PDB file of N, CA and C in Angstrom:
ATOM      1  N   MET A   1      27.179   3.874  57.847  1.00  0.00           N
ATOM      2  CA  MET A   1      27.517   2.371  57.933  1.00  0.00           C
ATOM      3  C   MET A   1      27.762   1.923  56.707  1.00  0.00           C
ATOM      4  N   TRP A   2      29.095   1.354  56.441  1.00  0.00           N
ATOM      5  CA  TRP A   2      29.404   0.953  55.227  1.00  0.00           C
ATOM      6  C   TRP A   2      29.610  -0.519  55.176  1.00  0.00           C
ATOM      7  N   PHE A   3      29.318  -1.150  54.114  1.00  0.00           N
ATOM      8  CA  PHE A   3      29.209  -2.640  54.190  1.00  0.00           C
ATOM      9  C   PHE A   3      30.552  -2.832  53.286  1.00  0.00           C
ATOM     10  N   PHE A   4      31.346  -3.385  53.710  1.00  0.00           N
ATOM     11  CA  PHE A   4      32.510  -4.119  52.939  1.00  0.00           C
ATOM     12  C   PHE A   4      32.775  -5.428  52.215  1.00  0.00           C
ATOM     13  N   PRO A   5      33.095  -5.965  51.269  1.00  0.00           N
ATOM     14  CA  PRO A   5      33.149  -7.121  51.023  1.00  0.00           C
ATOM     15  C   PRO A   5      34.280  -8.066  52.023  1.00  0.00           C
ATOM     16  N   SER A   6      35.515  -7.813  52.165  1.00  0.00           N
ATOM     17  CA  SER A   6      36.380  -8.266  52.818  1.00  0.00           C
ATOM     18  C   SER A   6      37.689  -7.457  53.481  1.00  0.00           C
ATOM     19  N   ALA A   7      38.042  -7.362  54.665  1.00  0.00           N
ATOM     20  CA  ALA A   7      39.110  -6.842  55.273  1.00  0.00           C
ATOM     21  C   ALA A   7      40.396  -6.721  54.650  1.00  0.00           C
ATOM     22  N   ASP A   8      41.232  -5.861  54.709  1.00  0.00           N
ATOM     23  CA  ASP A   8      42.555  -6.187  54.315  1.00  0.00           C
ATOM     24  C   ASP A   8      42.540  -6.318  52.478  1.00  0.00           C
ATOM     25  N   THR A   9      41.561  -6.075  51.778  1.00  0.00           N
ATOM     26  CA  THR A   9      41.460  -6.039  50.372  1.00  0.00           C
ATOM     27  C   THR A   9      41.932  -4.746  49.494  1.00  0.00           C
ATOM     28  N   PRO A  10      42.568  -4.838  48.511  1.00  0.00           N
ATOM     29  CA  PRO A  10      42.735  -3.650  47.972  1.00  0.00           C
ATOM     30  C   PRO A  10      41.409  -2.302  47.989  1.00  0.00           C
ATOM     31  N   GLY A  11      40.242  -2.896  47.396  1.00  0.00           N
ATOM     32  CA  GLY A  11      39.218  -1.796  47.349  1.00  0.00           C
ATOM     33  C   GLY A  11      38.982  -1.234  48.471  1.00  0.00           C
ATOM     34  N   CYS A  12      38.654  -2.338  49.568  1.00  0.00           N
ATOM     35  CA  CYS A  12      37.990  -2.023  50.819  1.00  0.00           C
ATOM     36  C   CYS A  12      39.282  -1.127  51.630  1.00  0.00           C
ATOM     37  N   THR A  13      40.291  -1.450  51.402  1.00  0.00           N
ATOM     38  CA  THR A  13      41.368  -0.461  52.297  1.00  0.00           C
ATOM     39  C   THR A  13      41.255   0.841  51.726  1.00  0.00           C
ATOM     40  N   ILE A  14      41.202   0.840  50.311  1.00  0.00           N
ATOM     41  CA  ILE A  14      41.244   2.129  49.642  1.00  0.00           C
ATOM     42  C   ILE A  14      39.964   2.876  50.584  1.00  0.00           C
ATOM     43  N   GLU A  15      39.079   2.496  50.393  1.00  0.00           N
ATOM     44  CA  GLU A  15      37.724   2.978  50.873  1.00  0.00           C
ATOM     45  C   GLU A  15      37.751   3.309  52.319  1.00  0.00           C
ATOM     46  N   GLY A  16      38.320   2.376  53.241  1.00  0.00           N
ATOM     47  CA  GLY A  16      38.605   2.987  54.393  1.00  0.00           C
ATOM     48  C   GLY A  16      39.647   3.794  54.636  1.00  0.00           C
ATOM     49  N   CYS A  17      40.271   3.652  54.194  1.00  0.00           N
ATOM     50  CA  CYS A  17      41.333   4.908  54.239  1.00  0.00           C
ATOM     51  C   CYS A  17      40.814   6.294  53.959  1.00  0.00           C
ATOM     52  N   GLY A  18      40.026   6.309  52.868  1.00  0.00           N
ATOM     53  CA  GLY A  18      39.448   7.449  52.534  1.00  0.00           C
ATOM     54  C   GLY A  18      38.395   8.040  53.736  1.00  0.00           C
ATOM     55  N   TYR A  19      37.843   7.075  54.547  1.00  0.00           N
ATOM     56  CA  TYR A  19      37.173   7.208  55.668  1.00  0.00           C
ATOM     57  C   TYR A  19      38.078   7.910  56.625  1.00  0.00           C
ATOM     58  N   ARG A  20      39.102   7.297  56.763  1.00  0.00           N
ATOM     59  CA  ARG A  20      39.843   7.995  58.100  1.00  0.00           C
ATOM     60  C   ARG A  20      40.578   9.004  57.765  1.00  0.00           C
ATOM     61  N   GLU A  21      40.790   9.186  56.506  1.00  0.00           N
ATOM     62  CA  GLU A  21      41.402  10.595  56.174  1.00  0.00           C
ATOM     63  C   GLU A  21      40.323  11.908  56.205  1.00  0.00           C
ATOM     64  N   LEU A  22      38.939  11.748  55.973  1.00  0.00           N
ATOM     65  CA  LEU A  22      37.926  12.420  56.498  1.00  0.00           C
ATOM     66  C   LEU A  22      36.965  12.378  57.927  1.00  0.00           C
ATOM     67  N   GLN A  23      37.764  11.730  58.533  1.00  0.00           N
ATOM     68  CA  GLN A  23      37.258  11.148  59.798  1.00  0.00           C
ATOM     69  C   GLN A  23      36.916  12.432  60.532  1.00  0.00           C
ATOM     70  N   SER A  24      37.886  13.437  60.619  1.00  0.00           N
ATOM     71  CA  SER A  24      37.610  14.687  61.422  1.00  0.00           C
ATOM     72  C   SER A  24      36.558  15.642  60.717  1.00  0.00           C
ATOM     73  N   HIS A  25      36.170  15.613  59.808  1.00  0.00           N
ATOM     74  CA  HIS A  25      35.049  16.270  59.065  1.00  0.00           C
ATOM     75  C   HIS A  25      33.660  15.522  59.195  1.00  0.00           C
ATOM     76  N   PHE A  26      33.682  14.312  59.260  1.00  0.00           N
ATOM     77  CA  PHE A  26      32.723  13.409  60.033  1.00  0.00           C
ATOM     78  C   PHE A  26      32.466  13.893  61.352  1.00  0.00           C
ATOM     79  N   ASP A  27      33.338  13.564  62.190  1.00  0.00           N
ATOM     80  CA  ASP A  27      33.091  13.887  63.877  1.00  0.00           C
ATOM     81  C   ASP A  27      32.674  15.572  63.777  1.00  0.00           C
ATOM     82  N   ALA A  28      33.277  16.315  63.087  1.00  0.00           N
ATOM     83  CA  ALA A  28      32.559  17.801  63.287  1.00  0.00           C
ATOM     84  C   ALA A  28      31.143  17.870  62.881  1.00  0.00           C
ATOM     85  N   LEU A  29      30.271  17.025  61.965  1.00  0.00           N
ATOM     86  CA  LEU A  29      29.361  16.969  61.989  1.00  0.00           C
ATOM     87  C   LEU A  29      28.282  16.113  62.815  1.00  0.00           C
ATOM     88  N   GLY A  30      29.176  15.456  63.715  1.00  0.00           N
ATOM     89  CA  GLY A  30      28.472  14.741  64.697  1.00  0.00           C
ATOM     90  C   GLY A  30      28.003  12.993  64.023  1.00  0.00           C
ATOM     91  N   VAL A  31      28.666  12.765  62.981  1.00  0.00           N
ATOM     92  CA  VAL A  31      28.445  11.717  61.923  1.00  0.00           C
ATOM     93  C   VAL A  31      29.307  10.530  62.421  1.00  0.00           C
ATOM     94  N   GLN A  32      28.764   9.519  62.912  1.00  0.00           N
ATOM     95  CA  GLN A  32      29.742   8.339  63.203  1.00  0.00           C
ATOM     96  C   GLN A  32      29.793   7.530  62.020  1.00  0.00           C
ATOM     97  N   ILE A  33      31.086   7.046  61.821  1.00  0.00           N
ATOM     98  CA  ILE A  33      31.781   5.949  60.842  1.00  0.00           C
ATOM     99  C   ILE A  33      31.533   4.783  61.345  1.00  0.00           C
ATOM    100  N   VAL A  34      30.965   3.787  60.729  1.00  0.00           N
ATOM    101  CA  VAL A  34      30.833   2.339  61.351  1.00  0.00           C
ATOM    102  C   VAL A  34      31.154   1.059  59.860  1.00  0.00           C
ATOM    103  N   GLY A  35      32.418   0.500  59.983  1.00  0.00           N
ATOM    104  CA  GLY A  35      32.581  -0.437  58.796  1.00  0.00           C
ATOM    105  C   GLY A  35      32.101  -1.850  59.102  1.00  0.00           C
ATOM    106  N   VAL A  36      31.277  -2.673  58.081  1.00  0.00           N
ATOM    107  CA  VAL A  36      30.802  -3.669  58.855  1.00  0.00           C
ATOM    108  C   VAL A  36      31.532  -4.846  57.622  1.00  0.00           C
ATOM    109  N   GLY A  37      31.719  -6.000  57.970  1.00  0.00           N
ATOM    110  CA  GLY A  37      31.874  -6.913  57.396  1.00  0.00           C
ATOM    111  C   GLY A  37      31.972  -8.453  57.953  1.00  0.00           C
ATOM    112  N   PHE A  38      32.337  -9.177  57.029  1.00  0.00           N
ATOM    113  CA  PHE A  38      32.383 -10.727  57.641  1.00  0.00           C
ATOM    114  C   PHE A  38      33.393 -11.303  58.190  1.00  0.00           C
ATOM    115  N   ASN A  39      34.394 -10.469  58.549  1.00  0.00           N
ATOM    116  CA  ASN A  39      35.918 -11.087  58.730  1.00  0.00           C
ATOM    117  C   ASN A  39      35.525 -11.063  59.977  1.00  0.00           C
ATOM    118  N   PRO A  40      36.595 -12.218  60.468  1.00  0.00           N
ATOM    119  CA  PRO A  40      36.343 -12.463  62.162  1.00  0.00           C
ATOM    120  C   PRO A  40      37.004 -11.392  62.998  1.00  0.00           C
ATOM    121  N   PRO A  41      36.761 -11.294  64.080  1.00  0.00           N
ATOM    122  CA  PRO A  41      37.323 -10.059  65.021  1.00  0.00           C
ATOM    123  C   PRO A  41      38.644  -9.893  64.980  1.00  0.00           C
ATOM    124  N   GLU A  42      39.426 -10.790  65.158  1.00  0.00           N
ATOM    125  CA  GLU A  42      40.889 -10.680  64.895  1.00  0.00           C
ATOM    126  C   GLU A  42      41.344 -10.201  63.491  1.00  0.00           C
ATOM    127  N   ASP A  43      40.702 -10.668  62.464  1.00  0.00           N
ATOM    128  CA  ASP A  43      41.161 -10.068  61.141  1.00  0.00           C
ATOM    129  C   ASP A  43      40.702  -8.552  61.204  1.00  0.00           C
ATOM    130  N   MET A  44      39.776  -8.223  61.711  1.00  0.00           N
ATOM    131  CA  MET A  44      39.156  -6.845  61.605  1.00  0.00           C
ATOM    132  C   MET A  44      40.138  -6.131  62.482  1.00  0.00           C
ATOM    133  N   GLN A  45      40.526  -6.457  63.891  1.00  0.00           N
ATOM    134  CA  GLN A  45      41.310  -5.653  64.322  1.00  0.00           C
ATOM    135  C   GLN A  45      42.583  -5.449  63.936  1.00  0.00           C
ATOM    136  N   ALA A  46      43.191  -6.489  63.383  1.00  0.00           N
ATOM    137  CA  ALA A  46      44.760  -6.562  62.525  1.00  0.00           C
ATOM    138  C   ALA A  46      44.488  -5.078  61.662  1.00  0.00           C
ATOM    139  N   TRP A  47      43.526  -5.488  60.742  1.00  0.00           N
ATOM    140  CA  TRP A  47      43.665  -4.473  59.597  1.00  0.00           C
ATOM    141  C   TRP A  47      43.341  -2.813  60.108  1.00  0.00           C
ATOM    142  N   ALA A  48      42.363  -2.970  61.041  1.00  0.00           N
ATOM    143  CA  ALA A  48      42.462  -1.554  61.754  1.00  0.00           C
ATOM    144  C   ALA A  48      43.544  -1.080  62.215  1.00  0.00           C
ATOM    145  N   VAL A  49      44.493  -1.624  62.834  1.00  0.00           N
ATOM    146  CA  VAL A  49      45.693  -1.349  63.708  1.00  0.00           C
ATOM    147  C   VAL A  49      46.655  -1.035  62.296  1.00  0.00           C
ATOM    148  N   ASP A  50      46.717  -1.764  61.204  1.00  0.00           N
ATOM    149  CA  ASP A  50      47.616  -1.844  60.122  1.00  0.00           C
ATOM    150  C   ASP A  50      47.419  -0.353  59.493  1.00  0.00           C
ATOM    151  N   GLN A  51      46.030  -0.258  59.588  1.00  0.00           N
ATOM    152  CA  GLN A  51      45.675   1.101  58.586  1.00  0.00           C
ATOM    153  C   GLN A  51      45.461   2.406  59.231  1.00  0.00           C
ATOM    154  N   SER A  52      45.664   1.935  61.097  1.00  0.00           N
ATOM    155  CA  SER A  52      45.148   3.186  61.635  1.00  0.00           C
ATOM    156  C   SER A  52      43.965   3.738  61.875  1.00  0.00           C
ATOM    157  N   PHE A  53      42.728   2.859  61.374  1.00  0.00           N
ATOM    158  CA  PHE A  53      41.631   3.234  61.491  1.00  0.00           C
ATOM    159  C   PHE A  53      41.046   3.446  63.000  1.00  0.00           C
ATOM    160  N   THR A  54      40.419   4.208  63.157  1.00  0.00           N
ATOM    161  CA  THR A  54      40.164   4.936  64.728  1.00  0.00           C
ATOM    162  C   THR A  54      38.498   4.557  64.842  1.00  0.00           C
ATOM    163  N   TYR A  55      37.807   4.561  63.963  1.00  0.00           N
ATOM    164  CA  TYR A  55      36.434   4.623  63.697  1.00  0.00           C
ATOM    165  C   TYR A  55      36.020   2.920  64.055  1.00  0.00           C
ATOM    166  N   GLU A  56      34.697   2.568  64.339  1.00  0.00           N
ATOM    167  CA  GLU A  56      34.573   1.288  64.658  1.00  0.00           C
ATOM    168  C   GLU A  56      34.598   0.313  63.456  1.00  0.00           C
ATOM    169  N   LEU A  57      34.628  -0.952  63.722  1.00  0.00           N
ATOM    170  CA  LEU A  57      34.841  -1.912  62.409  1.00  0.00           C
ATOM    171  C   LEU A  57      33.803  -2.977  63.364  1.00  0.00           C
ATOM    172  N   TRP A  58      32.852  -3.525  62.727  1.00  0.00           N
ATOM    173  CA  TRP A  58      32.023  -4.529  63.159  1.00  0.00           C
ATOM    174  C   TRP A  58      31.922  -5.691  62.360  1.00  0.00           C
ATOM    175  N   THR A  59      32.202  -6.904  63.228  1.00  0.00           N
ATOM    176  CA  THR A  59      32.208  -7.977  62.491  1.00  0.00           C
ATOM    177  C   THR A  59      30.897  -8.832  62.560  1.00  0.00           C
ATOM    178  N   ASP A  60      30.238  -9.059  61.597  1.00  0.00           N
ATOM    179  CA  ASP A  60      28.756  -9.344  61.315  1.00  0.00           C
ATOM    180  C   ASP A  60      29.057 -10.768  60.770  1.00  0.00           C
ATOM    181  N   THR A  61      29.560 -11.874  61.360  1.00  0.00           N
ATOM    182  CA  THR A  61      29.614 -13.274  60.835  1.00  0.00           C
ATOM    183  C   THR A  61      28.367 -14.066  60.885  1.00  0.00           C
ATOM    184  N   ASP A  62      27.458 -13.434  61.575  1.00  0.00           N
ATOM    185  CA  ASP A  62      26.107 -14.203  61.297  1.00  0.00           C
ATOM    186  C   ASP A  62      25.256 -13.649  60.486  1.00  0.00           C
ATOM    187  N   ARG A  63      25.751 -12.678  59.908  1.00  0.00           N
ATOM    188  CA  ARG A  63      24.969 -11.912  58.716  1.00  0.00           C
ATOM    189  C   ARG A  63      23.766 -11.040  59.213  1.00  0.00           C
ATOM    190  N   THR A  64      23.695 -10.849  60.643  1.00  0.00           N
ATOM    191  CA  THR A  64      22.509 -10.496  60.878  1.00  0.00           C
ATOM    192  C   THR A  64      22.504  -9.067  60.387  1.00  0.00           C
ATOM    193  N   LEU A  65      23.249  -8.318  60.590  1.00  0.00           N
ATOM    194  CA  LEU A  65      23.085  -6.721  59.976  1.00  0.00           C
ATOM    195  C   LEU A  65      23.132  -6.872  58.621  1.00  0.00           C
ATOM    196  N   ALA A  66      23.980  -7.184  57.853  1.00  0.00           N
ATOM    197  CA  ALA A  66      23.785  -7.302  56.339  1.00  0.00           C
ATOM    198  C   ALA A  66      22.532  -7.907  56.014  1.00  0.00           C
ATOM    199  N   MET A  67      21.799  -8.925  56.523  1.00  0.00           N
ATOM    200  CA  MET A  67      20.489  -9.123  56.237  1.00  0.00           C
ATOM    201  C   MET A  67      19.585  -8.151  56.433  1.00  0.00           C
ATOM    202  N   THR A  68      19.534  -7.440  57.694  1.00  0.00           N
ATOM    203  CA  THR A  68      18.642  -6.681  57.811  1.00  0.00           C
ATOM    204  C   THR A  68      18.640  -5.254  56.930  1.00  0.00           C
ATOM    205  N   TYR A  69      20.027  -5.062  56.735  1.00  0.00           N
ATOM    206  CA  TYR A  69      20.249  -3.859  55.800  1.00  0.00           C
ATOM    207  C   TYR A  69      20.360  -4.297  54.384  1.00  0.00           C
ATOM    208  N   GLY A  70      20.066  -5.491  53.771  1.00  0.00           N
ATOM    209  CA  GLY A  70      20.245  -5.509  52.379  1.00  0.00           C
ATOM    210  C   GLY A  70      21.767  -5.738  51.733  1.00  0.00           C
ATOM    211  N   ALA A  71      22.493  -5.944  52.617  1.00  0.00           N
ATOM    212  CA  ALA A  71      24.002  -5.743  51.997  1.00  0.00           C
ATOM    213  C   ALA A  71      24.138  -7.457  51.683  1.00  0.00           C
ATOM    214  N   ALA A  72      23.451  -8.448  52.296  1.00  0.00           N
ATOM    215  CA  ALA A  72      23.245  -9.923  52.184  1.00  0.00           C
ATOM    216  C   ALA A  72      21.965 -10.171  51.668  1.00  0.00           C
ATOM    217  N   LYS A  73      21.445 -11.107  50.744  1.00  0.00           N
ATOM    218  CA  LYS A  73      20.329 -11.711  50.599  1.00  0.00           C
ATOM    219  C   LYS A  73      20.287 -13.081  51.241  1.00  0.00           C
ATOM    220  N   ARG A  74      21.524 -13.770  51.550  1.00  0.00           N
ATOM    221  CA  ARG A  74      21.325 -15.222  51.775  1.00  0.00           C
ATOM    222  C   ARG A  74      22.261 -15.273  53.066  1.00  0.00           C
ATOM    223  N   VAL A  75      21.881 -16.037  54.075  1.00  0.00           N
ATOM    224  CA  VAL A  75      23.019 -16.441  55.039  1.00  0.00           C
ATOM    225  C   VAL A  75      24.068 -16.810  54.759  1.00  0.00           C
ATOM    226  N   ASP A  76      24.258 -17.857  53.732  1.00  0.00           N
ATOM    227  CA  ASP A  76      25.542 -18.701  53.423  1.00  0.00           C
ATOM    228  C   ASP A  76      26.205 -17.337  52.468  1.00  0.00           C
ATOM    229  N   GLN A  77      25.938 -16.174  52.152  1.00  0.00           N
ATOM    230  CA  GLN A  77      26.726 -15.265  51.184  1.00  0.00           C
ATOM    231  C   GLN A  77      27.825 -15.343  51.971  1.00  0.00           C
ATOM    232  N   PRO A  78      28.965 -15.368  51.017  1.00  0.00           N
ATOM    233  CA  PRO A  78      30.480 -15.057  51.514  1.00  0.00           C
ATOM    234  C   PRO A  78      31.130 -14.043  51.834  1.00  0.00           C
ATOM    235  N   SER A  79      30.130 -13.038  51.195  1.00  0.00           N
ATOM    236  CA  SER A  79      30.951 -11.411  51.625  1.00  0.00           C
ATOM    237  C   SER A  79      29.865 -10.670  51.217  1.00  0.00           C
ATOM    238  N   PRO A  80      29.372  -9.393  52.236  1.00  0.00           N
ATOM    239  CA  PRO A  80      28.311  -8.498  51.794  1.00  0.00           C
ATOM    240  C   PRO A  80      28.641  -7.661  50.638  1.00  0.00           C
ATOM    241  N   SER A  81      27.719  -7.346  50.162  1.00  0.00           N
ATOM    242  CA  SER A  81      27.776  -6.407  48.893  1.00  0.00           C
ATOM    243  C   SER A  81      28.213  -5.104  49.485  1.00  0.00           C
ATOM    244  N   ARG A  82      28.692  -4.359  48.585  1.00  0.00           N
ATOM    245  CA  ARG A  82      29.517  -2.693  49.039  1.00  0.00           C
ATOM    246  C   ARG A  82      28.294  -1.926  48.910  1.00  0.00           C
ATOM    247  N   ILE A  83      27.705  -1.725  50.176  1.00  0.00           N
ATOM    248  CA  ILE A  83      26.729  -0.550  49.955  1.00  0.00           C
ATOM    249  C   ILE A  83      26.912   0.323  51.239  1.00  0.00           C
ATOM    250  N   THR A  84      26.495   1.472  51.341  1.00  0.00           N
ATOM    251  CA  THR A  84      26.710   2.681  52.607  1.00  0.00           C
ATOM    252  C   THR A  84      25.223   3.009  52.627  1.00  0.00           C
ATOM    253  N   MET A  85      25.146   3.299  53.935  1.00  0.00           N
ATOM    254  CA  MET A  85      23.827   3.656  54.537  1.00  0.00           C
ATOM    255  C   MET A  85      23.694   4.822  55.529  1.00  0.00           C
ATOM    256  N   LEU A  86      23.248   6.229  55.251  1.00  0.00           N
ATOM    257  CA  LEU A  86      23.338   6.967  56.450  1.00  0.00           C
ATOM    258  C   LEU A  86      21.958   6.887  57.093  1.00  0.00           C
ATOM    259  N   LEU A  87      22.066   6.705  58.136  1.00  0.00           N
ATOM    260  CA  LEU A  87      20.778   6.369  59.140  1.00  0.00           C
ATOM    261  C   LEU A  87      21.131   7.820  60.554  1.00  0.00           C
ATOM    262  N   ASP A  88      19.849   8.010  60.963  1.00  0.00           N
ATOM    263  CA  ASP A  88      19.739   8.794  61.853  1.00  0.00           C
ATOM    264  C   ASP A  88      19.809   8.277  62.887  1.00  0.00           C
ATOM    265  N   ALA A  89      20.142   8.921  64.275  1.00  0.00           N
ATOM    266  CA  ALA A  89      20.174   8.737  65.837  1.00  0.00           C
ATOM    267  C   ALA A  89      19.363   7.171  65.927  1.00  0.00           C
ATOM    268  N   GLU A  90      18.191   7.397  65.449  1.00  0.00           N
ATOM    269  CA  GLU A  90      17.122   6.267  65.931  1.00  0.00           C
ATOM    270  C   GLU A  90      17.265   5.065  64.853  1.00  0.00           C
ATOM    271  N   GLY A  91      18.367   5.125  63.991  1.00  0.00           N
ATOM    272  CA  GLY A  91      18.443   4.405  63.196  1.00  0.00           C
ATOM    273  C   GLY A  91      17.789   3.884  62.000  1.00  0.00           C
ATOM    274  N   ARG A  92      16.960   5.033  61.515  1.00  0.00           N
ATOM    275  CA  ARG A  92      16.055   5.408  60.336  1.00  0.00           C
ATOM    276  C   ARG A  92      17.125   5.622  59.177  1.00  0.00           C
ATOM    277  N   LEU A  93      16.924   5.083  58.160  1.00  0.00           N
ATOM    278  CA  LEU A  93      17.442   5.388  56.877  1.00  0.00           C
ATOM    279  C   LEU A  93      17.425   6.379  56.320  1.00  0.00           C
ATOM    280  N   LEU A  94      18.370   7.315  55.896  1.00  0.00           N
ATOM    281  CA  LEU A  94      18.074   8.476  55.430  1.00  0.00           C
ATOM    282  C   LEU A  94      18.608   8.879  53.989  1.00  0.00           C
ATOM    283  N   LEU A  95      19.888   7.854  53.613  1.00  0.00           N
ATOM    284  CA  LEU A  95      20.151   7.760  52.358  1.00  0.00           C
ATOM    285  C   LEU A  95      21.077   6.210  52.295  1.00  0.00           C
ATOM    286  N   GLU A  96      20.791   5.912  51.088  1.00  0.00           N
ATOM    287  CA  GLU A  96      21.155   4.558  50.660  1.00  0.00           C
ATOM    288  C   GLU A  96      22.194   4.449  49.702  1.00  0.00           C
ATOM    289  N   TYR A  97      23.174   3.994  49.615  1.00  0.00           N
ATOM    290  CA  TYR A  97      24.226   4.063  48.148  1.00  0.00           C
ATOM    291  C   TYR A  97      24.390   2.549  47.915  1.00  0.00           C
ATOM    292  N   VAL A  98      24.072   1.865  46.755  1.00  0.00           N
ATOM    293  CA  VAL A  98      24.020   0.745  46.137  1.00  0.00           C
ATOM    294  C   VAL A  98      24.398   0.834  44.612  1.00  0.00           C
ATOM    295  N   GLY A  99      24.892  -0.096  44.158  1.00  0.00           N
ATOM    296  CA  GLY A  99      25.300  -0.337  43.060  1.00  0.00           C
ATOM    297  C   GLY A  99      27.164  -0.090  42.784  1.00  0.00           C
ATOM    298  N   ALA A 100      27.267   0.410  41.590  1.00  0.00           N
ATOM    299  CA  ALA A 100      28.632   0.941  41.424  1.00  0.00           C
ATOM    300  C   ALA A 100      29.303   1.889  42.628  1.00  0.00           C
ATOM    301  N   ILE A 101      29.812   1.678  43.103  1.00  0.00           N
ATOM    302  CA  ILE A 101      30.751   2.461  44.326  1.00  0.00           C
ATOM    303  C   ILE A 101      32.073   2.569  43.527  1.00  0.00           C
ATOM    304  N   ASP A 102      32.772   3.905  43.747  1.00  0.00           N
ATOM    305  CA  ASP A 102      33.850   4.302  43.524  1.00  0.00           C
ATOM    306  C   ASP A 102      34.540   4.046  44.793  1.00  0.00           C
ATOM    307  N   THR A 103      35.432   3.124  44.989  1.00  0.00           N
ATOM    308  CA  THR A 103      36.091   3.354  46.295  1.00  0.00           C
ATOM    309  C   THR A 103      36.886   4.413  46.642  1.00  0.00           C
ATOM    310  N   GLY A 104      37.331   5.121  45.633  1.00  0.00           N
ATOM    311  CA  GLY A 104      38.380   6.069  45.804  1.00  0.00           C
ATOM    312  C   GLY A 104      37.911   7.145  46.338  1.00  0.00           C
ATOM    313  N   THR A 105      36.431   7.556  45.724  1.00  0.00           N
ATOM    314  CA  THR A 105      36.051   8.951  45.671  1.00  0.00           C
ATOM    315  C   THR A 105      34.506   8.499  46.563  1.00  0.00           C
ATOM    316  N   HIS A 106      34.038   7.449  46.968  1.00  0.00           N
ATOM    317  CA  HIS A 106      33.043   7.300  47.870  1.00  0.00           C
ATOM    318  C   HIS A 106      32.798   7.883  49.131  1.00  0.00           C
ATOM    319  N   PRO A 107      33.861   8.045  49.955  1.00  0.00           N
ATOM    320  CA  PRO A 107      33.857   8.628  51.131  1.00  0.00           C
ATOM    321  C   PRO A 107      33.830   9.982  51.010  1.00  0.00           C
ATOM    322  N   GLY A 108      34.118  10.703  49.922  1.00  0.00           N
ATOM    323  CA  GLY A 108      34.107  12.430  49.847  1.00  0.00           C
ATOM    324  C   GLY A 108      32.587  12.557  49.370  1.00  0.00           C
ATOM    325  N   ASP A 109      31.959  11.808  48.741  1.00  0.00           N
ATOM    326  CA  ASP A 109      30.650  11.605  48.169  1.00  0.00           C
ATOM    327  C   ASP A 109      29.757  11.660  49.536  1.00  0.00           C
ATOM    328  N   VAL A 110      29.941  10.758  50.284  1.00  0.00           N
ATOM    329  CA  VAL A 110      29.116  10.678  51.730  1.00  0.00           C
ATOM    330  C   VAL A 110      29.311  11.593  52.554  1.00  0.00           C
ATOM    331  N   LEU A 111      30.593  12.380  52.575  1.00  0.00           N
ATOM    332  CA  LEU A 111      30.664  13.130  53.430  1.00  0.00           C
ATOM    333  C   LEU A 111      30.143  14.633  52.873  1.00  0.00           C
ATOM    334  N   ALA A 112      29.971  14.485  51.621  1.00  0.00           N
ATOM    335  CA  ALA A 112      29.193  15.889  51.024  1.00  0.00           C
ATOM    336  C   ALA A 112      27.870  15.896  51.280  1.00  0.00           C
ATOM    337  N   ASP A 113      27.203  14.670  51.218  1.00  0.00           N
ATOM    338  CA  ASP A 113      25.796  14.571  51.342  1.00  0.00           C
ATOM    339  C   ASP A 113      25.699  14.652  52.801  1.00  0.00           C
ATOM    340  N   CYS A 114      26.479  14.113  53.728  1.00  0.00           N
ATOM    341  CA  CYS A 114      26.434  14.526  55.362  1.00  0.00           C
ATOM    342  C   CYS A 114      26.497  15.924  55.363  1.00  0.00           C
ATOM    343  N   GLU A 115      27.413  16.815  54.631  1.00  0.00           N
ATOM    344  CA  GLU A 115      27.202  18.170  54.811  1.00  0.00           C
ATOM    345  C   GLU A 115      26.076  18.849  54.796  1.00  0.00           C
ATOM    346  N   ALA A 116      25.624  18.309  53.206  1.00  0.00           N
ATOM    347  CA  ALA A 116      24.045  18.971  53.022  1.00  0.00           C
ATOM    348  C   ALA A 116      23.146  18.732  54.077  1.00  0.00           C
ATOM    349  N   LEU A 117      23.045  17.523  54.798  1.00  0.00           N
ATOM    350  CA  LEU A 117      22.105  17.119  55.762  1.00  0.00           C
ATOM    351  C   LEU A 117      22.375  17.843  56.909  1.00  0.00           C
ATOM    352  N   PHE A 118      23.152  17.633  57.612  1.00  0.00           N
ATOM    353  CA  PHE A 118      23.884  17.874  58.785  1.00  0.00           C
ATOM    354  C   PHE A 118      24.767  19.228  58.950  1.00  0.00           C
ATOM    355  N   GLY A 119      24.941  19.664  57.947  1.00  0.00           N
ATOM    356  CA  GLY A 119      25.950  20.984  58.089  1.00  0.00           C
ATOM    357  C   GLY A 119      25.433  22.033  59.395  1.00  0.00           C
ATOM    358  N   ARG A 120      26.424  22.360  60.049  1.00  0.00           N
ATOM    359  CA  ARG A 120      26.261  23.369  60.932  1.00  0.00           C
ATOM    360  C   ARG A 120      27.106  24.698  60.728  1.00  0.00           C
TER     361      ARG A 120
END
């Protein structure tokens, strides 16, 4: 699950396209990609269509997920922090990426960790 500050912005689009390009590799490992932001559903849908994203984008306008997973510290926070979490099938945290995330290389870094954890 990757939290992003805002749909259809340059950094978020670079990161989202990275996940799109690597999706078949994540699929082969049985890893589901989910992007989460605070944008309204219609903005998320338009961005997904425009960028040919086939993975799920979730709208978290009430900040429930962001507050639960630490991507937001306050309910009135305007955008989530850019963080990524690898969760197991039961929702337990396996790895967390916080701090400076390079949107151009991050999806590949996550894939490498998934291969190490779930490689078959």
